[in-house]
């Protein structure tokens, strides 16, 4: 019947299918020759689809909550490590080996704030 039954159906197709299902249920003398398409079979298939949709919504909500919990835990850990860096600097000093072990430069490794004294780029001196 369908070309690729692994792809999601569009909402428009599903809305149309629901209308057809409702219309078939309203036909009092509907009696298909193939029992696979009886009202009872359609009812079962419709209920199975609704159950699967509800499961998907529930699973997505759980996944979203788990993702939010993960992000909150990551931020909490990140903030603790930032605070830990500050505590190491306060305890051991800004030029300590302990601070350097945290991938931070020692204060003594920075260039001094004095004048550069280097050549200025540009024209020649006259």
PDB file of N, CA and C in Angstrom:
ATOM      1  N   UNK A   1       0.823  -1.202   0.000  1.00  0.00           N
ATOM      2  CA  UNK A   1       0.000   0.000   0.000  1.00  0.00           C
ATOM      3  C   UNK A   1       0.863   1.261   0.000  1.00  0.00           C
ATOM      4  N   UNK A   2       1.676   1.429   1.042  1.00  0.00           N
ATOM      5  CA  UNK A   2       2.505   2.632   1.137  1.00  0.00           C
ATOM      6  C   UNK A   2       3.882   2.338   0.560  1.00  0.00           C
ATOM      7  N   UNK A   3       4.564   3.388   0.138  1.00  0.00           N
ATOM      8  CA  UNK A   3       5.893   3.213  -0.429  1.00  0.00           C
ATOM      9  C   UNK A   3       6.933   2.957   0.657  1.00  0.00           C
ATOM     10  N   UNK A   4       6.968   3.792   1.683  1.00  0.00           N
ATOM     11  CA  UNK A   4       7.970   3.658   2.734  1.00  0.00           C
ATOM     12  C   UNK A   4       7.290   3.761   4.092  1.00  0.00           C
ATOM     13  N   UNK A   5       7.065   2.639   4.702  1.00  0.00           N
ATOM     14  CA  UNK A   5       6.335   2.604   5.971  1.00  0.00           C
ATOM     15  C   UNK A   5       7.232   2.829   7.179  1.00  0.00           C
ATOM     16  N   UNK A   6       8.460   3.311   6.962  1.00  0.00           N
ATOM     17  CA  UNK A   6       9.334   3.647   8.086  1.00  0.00           C
ATOM     18  C   UNK A   6       9.320   5.140   8.374  1.00  0.00           C
ATOM     19  N   UNK A   7       8.727   5.919   7.489  1.00  0.00           N
ATOM     20  CA  UNK A   7       8.658   7.375   7.669  1.00  0.00           C
ATOM     21  C   UNK A   7       7.347   7.756   8.325  1.00  0.00           C
ATOM     22  N   UNK A   8       7.418   8.825   9.134  1.00  0.00           N
ATOM     23  CA  UNK A   8       6.228   9.349   9.799  1.00  0.00           C
ATOM     24  C   UNK A   8       5.230   9.873   8.776  1.00  0.00           C
ATOM     25  N   UNK A   9       3.960   9.669   9.061  1.00  0.00           N
ATOM     26  CA  UNK A   9       2.920  10.250   8.215  1.00  0.00           C
ATOM     27  C   UNK A   9       2.736  11.722   8.580  1.00  0.00           C
ATOM     28  N   UNK A  10       2.381  12.507   7.611  1.00  0.00           N
ATOM     29  CA  UNK A  10       2.158  13.924   7.878  1.00  0.00           C
ATOM     30  C   UNK A  10       0.862  14.093   8.675  1.00  0.00           C
ATOM     31  N   UNK A  11       0.779  15.177   9.453  1.00  0.00           N
ATOM     32  CA  UNK A  11      -0.462  15.435  10.210  1.00  0.00           C
ATOM     33  C   UNK A  11      -1.685  15.541   9.303  1.00  0.00           C
ATOM     34  N   UNK A  12      -1.487  16.040   8.084  1.00  0.00           N
ATOM     35  CA  UNK A  12      -2.608  16.180   7.151  1.00  0.00           C
ATOM     36  C   UNK A  12      -3.150  14.803   6.743  1.00  0.00           C
ATOM     37  N   UNK A  13      -2.245  13.862   6.479  1.00  0.00           N
ATOM     38  CA  UNK A  13      -2.681  12.516   6.111  1.00  0.00           C
ATOM     39  C   UNK A  13      -3.404  11.859   7.279  1.00  0.00           C
ATOM     40  N   UNK A  14      -2.847  12.006   8.489  1.00  0.00           N
ATOM     41  CA  UNK A  14      -3.494  11.409   9.663  1.00  0.00           C
ATOM     42  C   UNK A  14      -4.860  12.031   9.928  1.00  0.00           C
ATOM     43  N   UNK A  15      -4.977  13.334   9.731  1.00  0.00           N
ATOM     44  CA  UNK A  15      -6.282  13.990   9.925  1.00  0.00           C
ATOM     45  C   UNK A  15      -7.288  13.445   8.921  1.00  0.00           C
ATOM     46  N   UNK A  16      -6.844  13.247   7.698  1.00  0.00           N
ATOM     47  CA  UNK A  16      -7.720  12.691   6.670  1.00  0.00           C
ATOM     48  C   UNK A  16      -8.116  11.254   7.032  1.00  0.00           C
ATOM     49  N   UNK A  17      -7.144  10.466   7.514  1.00  0.00           N
ATOM     50  CA  UNK A  17      -7.441   9.084   7.910  1.00  0.00           C
ATOM     51  C   UNK A  17      -8.456   9.035   9.050  1.00  0.00           C
ATOM     52  N   UNK A  18      -8.347   9.959   9.986  1.00  0.00           N
ATOM     53  CA  UNK A  18      -9.307  10.011  11.097  1.00  0.00           C
ATOM     54  C   UNK A  18     -10.715  10.330  10.587  1.00  0.00           C
ATOM     55  N   UNK A  19     -10.792  11.231   9.610  1.00  0.00           N
ATOM     56  CA  UNK A  19     -12.099  11.557   9.031  1.00  0.00           C
ATOM     57  C   UNK A  19     -12.694  10.344   8.329  1.00  0.00           C
ATOM     58  N   UNK A  20     -11.862   9.615   7.592  1.00  0.00           N
ATOM     59  CA  UNK A  20     -12.343   8.411   6.904  1.00  0.00           C
ATOM     60  C   UNK A  20     -12.806   7.382   7.929  1.00  0.00           C
ATOM     61  N   UNK A  21     -12.020   7.194   8.986  1.00  0.00           N
ATOM     62  CA  UNK A  21     -12.379   6.244  10.046  1.00  0.00           C
ATOM     63  C   UNK A  21     -13.744   6.609  10.643  1.00  0.00           C
ATOM     64  N   UNK A  22     -13.929   7.896  10.947  1.00  0.00           N
ATOM     65  CA  UNK A  22     -15.204   8.354  11.517  1.00  0.00           C
ATOM     66  C   UNK A  22     -16.354   8.132  10.530  1.00  0.00           C
ATOM     67  N   UNK A  23     -16.088   8.391   9.257  1.00  0.00           N
ATOM     68  CA  UNK A  23     -17.136   8.210   8.242  1.00  0.00           C
ATOM     69  C   UNK A  23     -17.502   6.735   8.088  1.00  0.00           C
ATOM     70  N   UNK A  24     -16.507   5.851   8.077  1.00  0.00           N
ATOM     71  CA  UNK A  24     -16.793   4.411   7.953  1.00  0.00           C
ATOM     72  C   UNK A  24     -17.610   3.936   9.149  1.00  0.00           C
ATOM     73  N   UNK A  25     -17.267   4.413  10.356  1.00  0.00           N
ATOM     74  CA  UNK A  25     -17.999   4.010  11.557  1.00  0.00           C
ATOM     75  C   UNK A  25     -19.459   4.460  11.492  1.00  0.00           C
ATOM     76  N   UNK A  26     -19.716   5.538  10.730  1.00  0.00           N
ATOM     77  CA  UNK A  26     -21.080   6.069  10.635  1.00  0.00           C
ATOM     78  C   UNK A  26     -21.919   5.333   9.584  1.00  0.00           C
ATOM     79  N   UNK A  27     -21.300   4.488   8.778  1.00  0.00           N
ATOM     80  CA  UNK A  27     -22.049   3.741   7.758  1.00  0.00           C
ATOM     81  C   UNK A  27     -22.653   2.501   8.427  1.00  0.00           C
ATOM     82  N   UNK A  28     -23.983   2.488   8.555  1.00  0.00           N
ATOM     83  CA  UNK A  28     -24.603   1.388   9.312  1.00  0.00           C
ATOM     84  C   UNK A  28     -24.450   0.014   8.656  1.00  0.00           C
ATOM     85  N   UNK A  29     -24.485  -0.061   7.337  1.00  0.00           N
ATOM     86  CA  UNK A  29     -24.452  -1.377   6.685  1.00  0.00           C
ATOM     87  C   UNK A  29     -23.078  -1.689   6.078  1.00  0.00           C
ATOM     88  N   UNK A  30     -22.007  -1.088   6.642  1.00  0.00           N
ATOM     89  CA  UNK A  30     -20.647  -1.364   6.162  1.00  0.00           C
ATOM     90  C   UNK A  30     -20.284  -2.794   6.539  1.00  0.00           C
ATOM     91  N   UNK A  31     -20.011  -3.608   5.496  1.00  0.00           N
ATOM     92  CA  UNK A  31     -19.647  -5.016   5.709  1.00  0.00           C
ATOM     93  C   UNK A  31     -18.633  -5.406   4.639  1.00  0.00           C
ATOM     94  N   UNK A  32     -17.343  -5.129   4.885  1.00  0.00           N
ATOM     95  CA  UNK A  32     -16.341  -5.415   3.861  1.00  0.00           C
ATOM     96  C   UNK A  32     -16.173  -6.923   3.650  1.00  0.00           C
ATOM     97  N   UNK A  33     -15.803  -7.322   2.445  1.00  0.00           N
ATOM     98  CA  UNK A  33     -15.584  -8.743   2.165  1.00  0.00           C
ATOM     99  C   UNK A  33     -14.310  -9.230   2.853  1.00  0.00           C
ATOM    100  N   UNK A  34     -13.354  -8.337   3.067  1.00  0.00           N
ATOM    101  CA  UNK A  34     -12.116  -8.681   3.769  1.00  0.00           C
ATOM    102  C   UNK A  34     -12.269  -8.264   5.233  1.00  0.00           C
ATOM    103  N   UNK A  35     -12.278  -9.223   6.171  1.00  0.00           N
ATOM    104  CA  UNK A  35     -12.480  -8.892   7.582  1.00  0.00           C
ATOM    105  C   UNK A  35     -11.355  -8.038   8.183  1.00  0.00           C
ATOM    106  N   UNK A  36     -10.245  -7.951   7.485  1.00  0.00           N
ATOM    107  CA  UNK A  36      -9.130  -7.130   7.963  1.00  0.00           C
ATOM    108  C   UNK A  36      -9.503  -5.644   8.005  1.00  0.00           C
ATOM    109  N   UNK A  37     -10.551  -5.280   7.259  1.00  0.00           N
ATOM    110  CA  UNK A  37     -10.980  -3.886   7.195  1.00  0.00           C
ATOM    111  C   UNK A  37     -12.345  -3.673   7.840  1.00  0.00           C
ATOM    112  N   UNK A  38     -12.737  -4.570   8.716  1.00  0.00           N
ATOM    113  CA  UNK A  38     -14.021  -4.442   9.409  1.00  0.00           C
ATOM    114  C   UNK A  38     -13.962  -3.279  10.400  1.00  0.00           C
ATOM    115  N   UNK A  39     -15.135  -2.900  10.887  1.00  0.00           N
ATOM    116  CA  UNK A  39     -15.187  -1.824  11.876  1.00  0.00           C
ATOM    117  C   UNK A  39     -14.390  -2.199  13.127  1.00  0.00           C
ATOM    118  N   UNK A  40     -14.486  -3.464  13.534  1.00  0.00           N
ATOM    119  CA  UNK A  40     -13.764  -3.917  14.714  1.00  0.00           C
ATOM    120  C   UNK A  40     -12.248  -3.838  14.494  1.00  0.00           C
ATOM    121  N   UNK A  41     -11.793  -4.233  13.316  1.00  0.00           N
ATOM    122  CA  UNK A  41     -10.360  -4.178  13.001  1.00  0.00           C
ATOM    123  C   UNK A  41      -9.883  -2.723  12.946  1.00  0.00           C
ATOM    124  N   UNK A  42     -10.726  -1.854  12.379  1.00  0.00           N
ATOM    125  CA  UNK A  42     -10.384  -0.430  12.349  1.00  0.00           C
ATOM    126  C   UNK A  42     -10.324   0.143  13.763  1.00  0.00           C
ATOM    127  N   UNK A  43     -11.286  -0.239  14.606  1.00  0.00           N
ATOM    128  CA  UNK A  43     -11.288   0.217  16.005  1.00  0.00           C
ATOM    129  C   UNK A  43     -10.003  -0.197  16.716  1.00  0.00           C
ATOM    130  N   UNK A  44      -9.633  -1.465  16.551  1.00  0.00           N
ATOM    131  CA  UNK A  44      -8.417  -1.981  17.190  1.00  0.00           C
ATOM    132  C   UNK A  44      -7.188  -1.231  16.700  1.00  0.00           C
ATOM    133  N   UNK A  45      -7.121  -1.029  15.402  1.00  0.00           N
ATOM    134  CA  UNK A  45      -5.971  -0.326  14.824  1.00  0.00           C
ATOM    135  C   UNK A  45      -5.916   1.123  15.302  1.00  0.00           C
ATOM    136  N   UNK A  46      -7.080   1.762  15.392  1.00  0.00           N
ATOM    137  CA  UNK A  46      -7.139   3.148  15.855  1.00  0.00           C
ATOM    138  C   UNK A  46      -6.681   3.258  17.308  1.00  0.00           C
ATOM    139  N   UNK A  47      -7.165   2.335  18.151  1.00  0.00           N
ATOM    140  CA  UNK A  47      -6.776   2.344  19.566  1.00  0.00           C
ATOM    141  C   UNK A  47      -5.284   2.065  19.733  1.00  0.00           C
ATOM    142  N   UNK A  48      -4.743   1.168  18.924  1.00  0.00           N
ATOM    143  CA  UNK A  48      -3.305   0.873  18.969  1.00  0.00           C
ATOM    144  C   UNK A  48      -2.499   2.103  18.586  1.00  0.00           C
ATOM    145  N   UNK A  49      -2.965   2.817  17.555  1.00  0.00           N
ATOM    146  CA  UNK A  49      -2.277   4.041  17.129  1.00  0.00           C
ATOM    147  C   UNK A  49      -2.324   5.099  18.235  1.00  0.00           C
ATOM    148  N   UNK A  50      -3.477   5.282  18.848  1.00  0.00           N
ATOM    149  CA  UNK A  50      -3.587   6.270  19.921  1.00  0.00           C
ATOM    150  C   UNK A  50      -2.708   5.912  21.117  1.00  0.00           C
ATOM    151  N   UNK A  51      -2.624   4.638  21.452  1.00  0.00           N
ATOM    152  CA  UNK A  51      -1.773   4.184  22.557  1.00  0.00           C
ATOM    153  C   UNK A  51      -0.305   4.456  22.232  1.00  0.00           C
ATOM    154  N   UNK A  52       0.101   4.166  21.001  1.00  0.00           N
ATOM    155  CA  UNK A  52       1.483   4.402  20.582  1.00  0.00           C
ATOM    156  C   UNK A  52       1.813   5.892  20.601  1.00  0.00           C
ATOM    157  N   UNK A  53       0.870   6.725  20.171  1.00  0.00           N
ATOM    158  CA  UNK A  53       1.088   8.178  20.208  1.00  0.00           C
ATOM    159  C   UNK A  53       1.238   8.670  21.641  1.00  0.00           C
ATOM    160  N   UNK A  54       0.403   8.141  22.538  1.00  0.00           N
ATOM    161  CA  UNK A  54       0.481   8.539  23.949  1.00  0.00           C
ATOM    162  C   UNK A  54       1.817   8.107  24.553  1.00  0.00           C
ATOM    163  N   UNK A  55       2.283   6.902  24.208  1.00  0.00           N
ATOM    164  CA  UNK A  55       3.581   6.427  24.696  1.00  0.00           C
ATOM    165  C   UNK A  55       4.714   7.337  24.214  1.00  0.00           C
ATOM    166  N   UNK A  56       4.630   7.763  22.957  1.00  0.00           N
ATOM    167  CA  UNK A  56       5.661   8.642  22.407  1.00  0.00           C
ATOM    168  C   UNK A  56       5.694   9.981  23.149  1.00  0.00           C
ATOM    169  N   UNK A  57       4.527  10.538  23.407  1.00  0.00           N
ATOM    170  CA  UNK A  57       4.441  11.817  24.124  1.00  0.00           C
ATOM    171  C   UNK A  57       5.012  11.662  25.530  1.00  0.00           C
ATOM    172  N   UNK A  58       4.662  10.551  26.181  1.00  0.00           N
ATOM    173  CA  UNK A  58       5.156  10.280  27.528  1.00  0.00           C
ATOM    174  C   UNK A  58       6.682  10.109  27.524  1.00  0.00           C
ATOM    175  N   UNK A  59       7.195   9.366  26.558  1.00  0.00           N
ATOM    176  CA  UNK A  59       8.642   9.132  26.462  1.00  0.00           C
ATOM    177  C   UNK A  59       9.378  10.430  26.169  1.00  0.00           C
ATOM    178  N   UNK A  60       8.800  11.273  25.324  1.00  0.00           N
ATOM    179  CA  UNK A  60       9.434  12.559  25.011  1.00  0.00           C
ATOM    180  C   UNK A  60       9.489  13.438  26.256  1.00  0.00           C
ATOM    181  N   UNK A  61       8.412  13.433  27.032  1.00  0.00           N
ATOM    182  CA  UNK A  61       8.393  14.227  28.269  1.00  0.00           C
ATOM    183  C   UNK A  61       9.461  13.720  29.242  1.00  0.00           C
ATOM    184  N   UNK A  62       9.597  12.409  29.350  1.00  0.00           N
ATOM    185  CA  UNK A  62      10.625  11.835  30.218  1.00  0.00           C
ATOM    186  C   UNK A  62      12.019  12.183  29.717  1.00  0.00           C
ATOM    187  N   UNK A  63      12.207  12.117  28.398  1.00  0.00           N
ATOM    188  CA  UNK A  63      13.502  12.451  27.803  1.00  0.00           C
ATOM    189  C   UNK A  63      13.827  13.926  28.049  1.00  0.00           C
ATOM    190  N   UNK A  64      12.843  14.793  27.853  1.00  0.00           N
ATOM    191  CA  UNK A  64      13.055  16.230  28.101  1.00  0.00           C
ATOM    192  C   UNK A  64      13.438  16.482  29.553  1.00  0.00           C
ATOM    193  N   UNK A  65      12.769  15.810  30.471  1.00  0.00           N
ATOM    194  CA  UNK A  65      13.081  15.973  31.896  1.00  0.00           C
ATOM    195  C   UNK A  65      14.482  15.461  32.209  1.00  0.00           C
ATOM    196  N   UNK A  66      14.843  14.324  31.618  1.00  0.00           N
ATOM    197  CA  UNK A  66      16.188  13.777  31.836  1.00  0.00           C
ATOM    198  C   UNK A  66      17.251  14.714  31.281  1.00  0.00           C
ATOM    199  N   UNK A  67      16.994  15.302  30.122  1.00  0.00           N
ATOM    200  CA  UNK A  67      17.934  16.260  29.528  1.00  0.00           C
ATOM    201  C   UNK A  67      18.072  17.494  30.423  1.00  0.00           C
ATOM    202  N   UNK A  68      16.965  17.985  30.942  1.00  0.00           N
ATOM    203  CA  UNK A  68      17.016  19.142  31.835  1.00  0.00           C
ATOM    204  C   UNK A  68      17.795  18.823  33.109  1.00  0.00           C
ATOM    205  N   UNK A  69      17.591  17.622  33.653  1.00  0.00           N
ATOM    206  CA  UNK A  69      18.341  17.201  34.844  1.00  0.00           C
ATOM    207  C   UNK A  69      19.833  17.124  34.550  1.00  0.00           C
ATOM    208  N   UNK A  70      20.175  16.600  33.374  1.00  0.00           N
ATOM    209  CA  UNK A  70      21.582  16.490  32.985  1.00  0.00           C
ATOM    210  C   UNK A  70      22.216  17.864  32.868  1.00  0.00           C
ATOM    211  N   UNK A  71      21.534  18.798  32.201  1.00  0.00           N
ATOM    212  CA  UNK A  71      22.071  20.149  32.031  1.00  0.00           C
ATOM    213  C   UNK A  71      22.246  20.826  33.385  1.00  0.00           C
ATOM    214  N   UNK A  72      21.274  20.673  34.275  1.00  0.00           N
ATOM    215  CA  UNK A  72      21.383  21.271  35.610  1.00  0.00           C
ATOM    216  C   UNK A  72      22.570  20.680  36.371  1.00  0.00           C
ATOM    217  N   UNK A  73      22.769  19.369  36.248  1.00  0.00           N
ATOM    218  CA  UNK A  73      23.895  18.724  36.925  1.00  0.00           C
ATOM    219  C   UNK A  73      25.226  19.185  36.335  1.00  0.00           C
ATOM    220  N   UNK A  74      25.276  19.366  35.019  1.00  0.00           N
ATOM    221  CA  UNK A  74      26.499  19.862  34.381  1.00  0.00           C
ATOM    222  C   UNK A  74      26.833  21.265  34.873  1.00  0.00           C
ATOM    223  N   UNK A  75      25.828  22.124  34.952  1.00  0.00           N
ATOM    224  CA  UNK A  75      26.069  23.495  35.421  1.00  0.00           C
ATOM    225  C   UNK A  75      26.486  23.509  36.889  1.00  0.00           C
ATOM    226  N   UNK A  76      25.869  22.686  37.687  1.00  0.00           N
ATOM    227  CA  UNK A  76      26.240  22.616  39.102  1.00  0.00           C
ATOM    228  C   UNK A  76      27.696  22.183  39.243  1.00  0.00           C
ATOM    229  N   UNK A  77      28.109  21.178  38.466  1.00  0.00           N
ATOM    230  CA  UNK A  77      29.492  20.710  38.498  1.00  0.00           C
ATOM    231  C   UNK A  77      30.441  21.806  38.011  1.00  0.00           C
ATOM    232  N   UNK A  78      30.074  22.473  36.918  1.00  0.00           N
ATOM    233  CA  UNK A  78      30.912  23.547  36.365  1.00  0.00           C
ATOM    234  C   UNK A  78      31.101  24.663  37.393  1.00  0.00           C
ATOM    235  N   UNK A  79      30.020  25.073  38.026  1.00  0.00           N
ATOM    236  CA  UNK A  79      30.113  26.136  39.026  1.00  0.00           C
ATOM    237  C   UNK A  79      30.966  25.724  40.219  1.00  0.00           C
ATOM    238  N   UNK A  80      30.888  24.448  40.607  1.00  0.00           N
ATOM    239  CA  UNK A  80      31.731  23.956  41.702  1.00  0.00           C
ATOM    240  C   UNK A  80      33.209  23.993  41.305  1.00  0.00           C
ATOM    241  N   UNK A  81      33.527  23.625  40.068  1.00  0.00           N
ATOM    242  CA  UNK A  81      34.933  23.659  39.647  1.00  0.00           C
ATOM    243  C   UNK A  81      35.444  25.090  39.585  1.00  0.00           C
ATOM    244  N   UNK A  82      34.606  26.022  39.148  1.00  0.00           N
ATOM    245  CA  UNK A  82      35.018  27.436  39.138  1.00  0.00           C
ATOM    246  C   UNK A  82      35.289  27.922  40.557  1.00  0.00           C
ATOM    247  N   UNK A  83      34.417  27.562  41.465  1.00  0.00           N
ATOM    248  CA  UNK A  83      34.613  27.928  42.861  1.00  0.00           C
ATOM    249  C   UNK A  83      35.854  27.266  43.442  1.00  0.00           C
ATOM    250  N   UNK A  84      36.116  26.039  43.023  1.00  0.00           N
ATOM    251  CA  UNK A  84      37.313  25.345  43.476  1.00  0.00           C
ATOM    252  C   UNK A  84      38.583  26.050  43.037  1.00  0.00           C
ATOM    253  N   UNK A  85      38.593  26.570  41.823  1.00  0.00           N
ATOM    254  CA  UNK A  85      39.754  27.326  41.334  1.00  0.00           C
ATOM    255  C   UNK A  85      40.005  28.552  42.207  1.00  0.00           C
ATOM    256  N   UNK A  86      38.932  29.252  42.537  1.00  0.00           N
ATOM    257  CA  UNK A  86      39.054  30.438  43.381  1.00  0.00           C
ATOM    258  C   UNK A  86      39.601  30.054  44.752  1.00  0.00           C
ATOM    259  N   UNK A  87      39.126  28.939  45.293  1.00  0.00           N
ATOM    260  CA  UNK A  87      39.576  28.492  46.608  1.00  0.00           C
ATOM    261  C   UNK A  87      41.048  28.088  46.597  1.00  0.00           C
ATOM    262  N   UNK A  88      41.497  27.432  45.524  1.00  0.00           N
ATOM    263  CA  UNK A  88      42.914  27.059  45.420  1.00  0.00           C
ATOM    264  C   UNK A  88      43.775  28.317  45.364  1.00  0.00           C
ATOM    265  N   UNK A  89      43.343  29.310  44.593  1.00  0.00           N
ATOM    266  CA  UNK A  89      44.104  30.561  44.507  1.00  0.00           C
ATOM    267  C   UNK A  89      44.144  31.253  45.869  1.00  0.00           C
ATOM    268  N   UNK A  90      43.030  31.260  46.587  1.00  0.00           N
ATOM    269  CA  UNK A  90      42.989  31.906  47.901  1.00  0.00           C
ATOM    270  C   UNK A  90      43.872  31.166  48.909  1.00  0.00           C
ATOM    271  N   UNK A  91      43.879  29.863  48.837  1.00  0.00           N
ATOM    272  CA  UNK A  91      44.636  29.069  49.808  1.00  0.00           C
ATOM    273  C   UNK A  91      46.136  29.035  49.498  1.00  0.00           C
ATOM    274  N   UNK A  92      46.501  28.877  48.230  1.00  0.00           N
ATOM    275  CA  UNK A  92      47.907  28.652  47.880  1.00  0.00           C
ATOM    276  C   UNK A  92      48.581  29.848  47.210  1.00  0.00           C
ATOM    277  N   UNK A  93      47.806  30.829  46.764  1.00  0.00           N
ATOM    278  CA  UNK A  93      48.381  32.017  46.161  1.00  0.00           C
ATOM    279  C   UNK A  93      48.285  32.011  44.643  1.00  0.00           C
ATOM    280  N   UNK A  94      48.446  33.211  44.075  1.00  0.00           N
ATOM    281  CA  UNK A  94      48.262  33.371  42.636  1.00  0.00           C
ATOM    282  C   UNK A  94      49.472  32.945  41.820  1.00  0.00           C
ATOM    283  N   UNK A  95      50.563  32.584  42.467  1.00  0.00           N
ATOM    284  CA  UNK A  95      51.746  32.105  41.742  1.00  0.00           C
ATOM    285  C   UNK A  95      52.140  30.700  42.200  1.00  0.00           C
ATOM    286  N   UNK A  96      51.177  29.919  42.621  1.00  0.00           N
ATOM    287  CA  UNK A  96      51.474  28.590  43.173  1.00  0.00           C
ATOM    288  C   UNK A  96      51.444  27.508  42.095  1.00  0.00           C
ATOM    289  N   UNK A  97      52.146  26.432  42.390  1.00  0.00           N
ATOM    290  CA  UNK A  97      52.124  25.265  41.505  1.00  0.00           C
ATOM    291  C   UNK A  97      50.740  24.624  41.510  1.00  0.00           C
ATOM    292  N   UNK A  98      50.053  24.708  42.635  1.00  0.00           N
ATOM    293  CA  UNK A  98      48.706  24.137  42.735  1.00  0.00           C
ATOM    294  C   UNK A  98      47.749  24.837  41.766  1.00  0.00           C
ATOM    295  N   UNK A  99      47.885  26.159  41.685  1.00  0.00           N
ATOM    296  CA  UNK A  99      47.036  26.918  40.760  1.00  0.00           C
ATOM    297  C   UNK A  99      47.381  26.552  39.324  1.00  0.00           C
ATOM    298  N   UNK A 100      48.670  26.393  39.062  1.00  0.00           N
ATOM    299  CA  UNK A 100      49.104  26.023  37.720  1.00  0.00           C
ATOM    300  C   UNK A 100      48.566  24.636  37.340  1.00  0.00           C
ATOM    301  N   UNK A 101      48.433  23.746  38.302  1.00  0.00           N
ATOM    302  CA  UNK A 101      47.916  22.405  38.020  1.00  0.00           C
ATOM    303  C   UNK A 101      46.454  22.432  37.584  1.00  0.00           C
ATOM    304  N   UNK A 102      45.794  23.559  37.825  1.00  0.00           N
ATOM    305  CA  UNK A 102      44.389  23.715  37.425  1.00  0.00           C
ATOM    306  C   UNK A 102      44.256  24.374  36.059  1.00  0.00           C
ATOM    307  N   UNK A 103      45.367  24.385  35.301  1.00  0.00           N
ATOM    308  CA  UNK A 103      45.399  24.981  33.958  1.00  0.00           C
ATOM    309  C   UNK A 103      45.225  26.492  34.010  1.00  0.00           C
ATOM    310  N   UNK A 104      45.744  27.103  35.054  1.00  0.00           N
ATOM    311  CA  UNK A 104      45.738  28.567  35.176  1.00  0.00           C
ATOM    312  C   UNK A 104      47.175  29.037  35.198  1.00  0.00           C
ATOM    313  N   UNK A 105      47.406  30.202  34.660  1.00  0.00           N
ATOM    314  CA  UNK A 105      48.760  30.757  34.674  1.00  0.00           C
ATOM    315  C   UNK A 105      49.076  31.318  36.047  1.00  0.00           C
ATOM    316  N   UNK A 106      50.348  31.193  36.405  1.00  0.00           N
ATOM    317  CA  UNK A 106      50.806  31.843  37.630  1.00  0.00           C
ATOM    318  C   UNK A 106      50.860  33.345  37.358  1.00  0.00           C
ATOM    319  N   UNK A 107      50.668  34.130  38.384  1.00  0.00           N
ATOM    320  CA  UNK A 107      50.702  35.579  38.227  1.00  0.00           C
ATOM    321  C   UNK A 107      52.067  36.028  37.700  1.00  0.00           C
ATOM    322  N   UNK A 108      53.116  35.340  38.092  1.00  0.00           N
ATOM    323  CA  UNK A 108      54.471  35.715  37.672  1.00  0.00           C
ATOM    324  C   UNK A 108      54.735  35.388  36.207  1.00  0.00           C
ATOM    325  N   UNK A 109      53.868  34.614  35.556  1.00  0.00           N
ATOM    326  CA  UNK A 109      54.058  34.263  34.146  1.00  0.00           C
ATOM    327  C   UNK A 109      53.537  35.339  33.196  1.00  0.00           C
ATOM    328  N   UNK A 110      52.768  36.251  33.709  1.00  0.00           N
ATOM    329  CA  UNK A 110      52.245  37.316  32.857  1.00  0.00           C
ATOM    330  C   UNK A 110      53.331  38.363  32.635  1.00  0.00           C
ATOM    331  N   UNK A 111      53.274  39.029  31.470  1.00  0.00           N
ATOM    332  CA  UNK A 111      54.223  40.105  31.187  1.00  0.00           C
ATOM    333  C   UNK A 111      53.982  41.244  32.159  1.00  0.00           C
ATOM    334  N   UNK A 112      55.053  41.959  32.452  1.00  0.00           N
ATOM    335  CA  UNK A 112      54.905  43.095  33.360  1.00  0.00           C
ATOM    336  C   UNK A 112      54.111  44.196  32.671  1.00  0.00           C
ATOM    337  N   UNK A 113      53.564  45.079  33.460  1.00  0.00           N
ATOM    338  CA  UNK A 113      52.712  46.135  32.923  1.00  0.00           C
ATOM    339  C   UNK A 113      53.488  47.372  32.512  1.00  0.00           C
ATOM    340  N   UNK A 114      54.810  47.314  32.469  1.00  0.00           N
ATOM    341  CA  UNK A 114      55.619  48.486  32.129  1.00  0.00           C
ATOM    342  C   UNK A 114      55.482  48.875  30.678  1.00  0.00           C
ATOM    343  N   UNK A 115      56.184  49.941  30.312  1.00  0.00           N
ATOM    344  CA  UNK A 115      56.130  50.417  28.930  1.00  0.00           C
ATOM    345  C   UNK A 115      56.815  49.421  28.019  1.00  0.00           C
ATOM    346  N   UNK A 116      56.322  49.319  26.860  1.00  0.00           N
ATOM    347  CA  UNK A 116      56.861  48.349  25.890  1.00  0.00           C
ATOM    348  C   UNK A 116      58.275  48.685  25.467  1.00  0.00           C
ATOM    349  N   UNK A 117      58.556  49.930  25.201  1.00  0.00           N
ATOM    350  CA  UNK A 117      59.885  50.331  24.799  1.00  0.00           C
ATOM    351  C   UNK A 117      60.287  49.801  23.436  1.00  0.00           C
ATOM    352  N   UNK A 118      59.407  49.156  22.750  1.00  0.00           N
ATOM    353  CA  UNK A 118      59.749  48.590  21.447  1.00  0.00           C
ATOM    354  C   UNK A 118      59.613  49.616  20.348  1.00  0.00           C
ATOM    355  N   UNK A 119      59.942  49.227  19.155  1.00  0.00           N
ATOM    356  CA  UNK A 119      59.853  50.121  17.990  1.00  0.00           C
ATOM    357  C   UNK A 119      58.396  50.341  17.626  1.00  0.00           C
ATOM    358  N   UNK A 120      58.149  51.519  17.180  1.00  0.00           N
ATOM    359  CA  UNK A 120      56.809  51.801  16.657  1.00  0.00           C
ATOM    360  C   UNK A 120      56.813  51.462  15.182  1.00  0.00           C
ATOM    361  N   UNK A 121      55.780  50.879  14.722  1.00  0.00           N
ATOM    362  CA  UNK A 121      55.717  50.557  13.294  1.00  0.00           C
ATOM    363  C   UNK A 121      55.338  51.819  12.534  1.00  0.00           C
ATOM    364  N   UNK A 122      55.750  51.851  11.321  1.00  0.00           N
ATOM    365  CA  UNK A 122      55.369  52.986  10.506  1.00  0.00           C
ATOM    366  C   UNK A 122      56.554  53.667   9.886  1.00  0.00           C
ATOM    367  N   UNK A 123      56.500  54.978   9.884  1.00  0.00           N
ATOM    368  CA  UNK A 123      57.510  55.806   9.176  1.00  0.00           C
ATOM    369  C   UNK A 123      58.892  55.755   9.803  1.00  0.00           C
ATOM    370  N   UNK A 124      59.824  56.438   9.127  1.00  0.00           N
ATOM    371  CA  UNK A 124      61.211  56.490   9.600  1.00  0.00           C
ATOM    372  C   UNK A 124      61.403  57.711  10.477  1.00  0.00           C
ATOM    373  N   UNK A 125      62.425  57.626  11.354  1.00  0.00           N
ATOM    374  CA  UNK A 125      62.748  58.724  12.240  1.00  0.00           C
ATOM    375  C   UNK A 125      63.550  59.759  11.510  1.00  0.00           C
ATOM    376  N   UNK A 126      63.273  61.019  11.629  1.00  0.00           N
ATOM    377  CA  UNK A 126      64.048  62.057  10.987  1.00  0.00           C
ATOM    378  C   UNK A 126      64.560  63.034  11.973  1.00  0.00           C
TER     379      UNK A 126
END
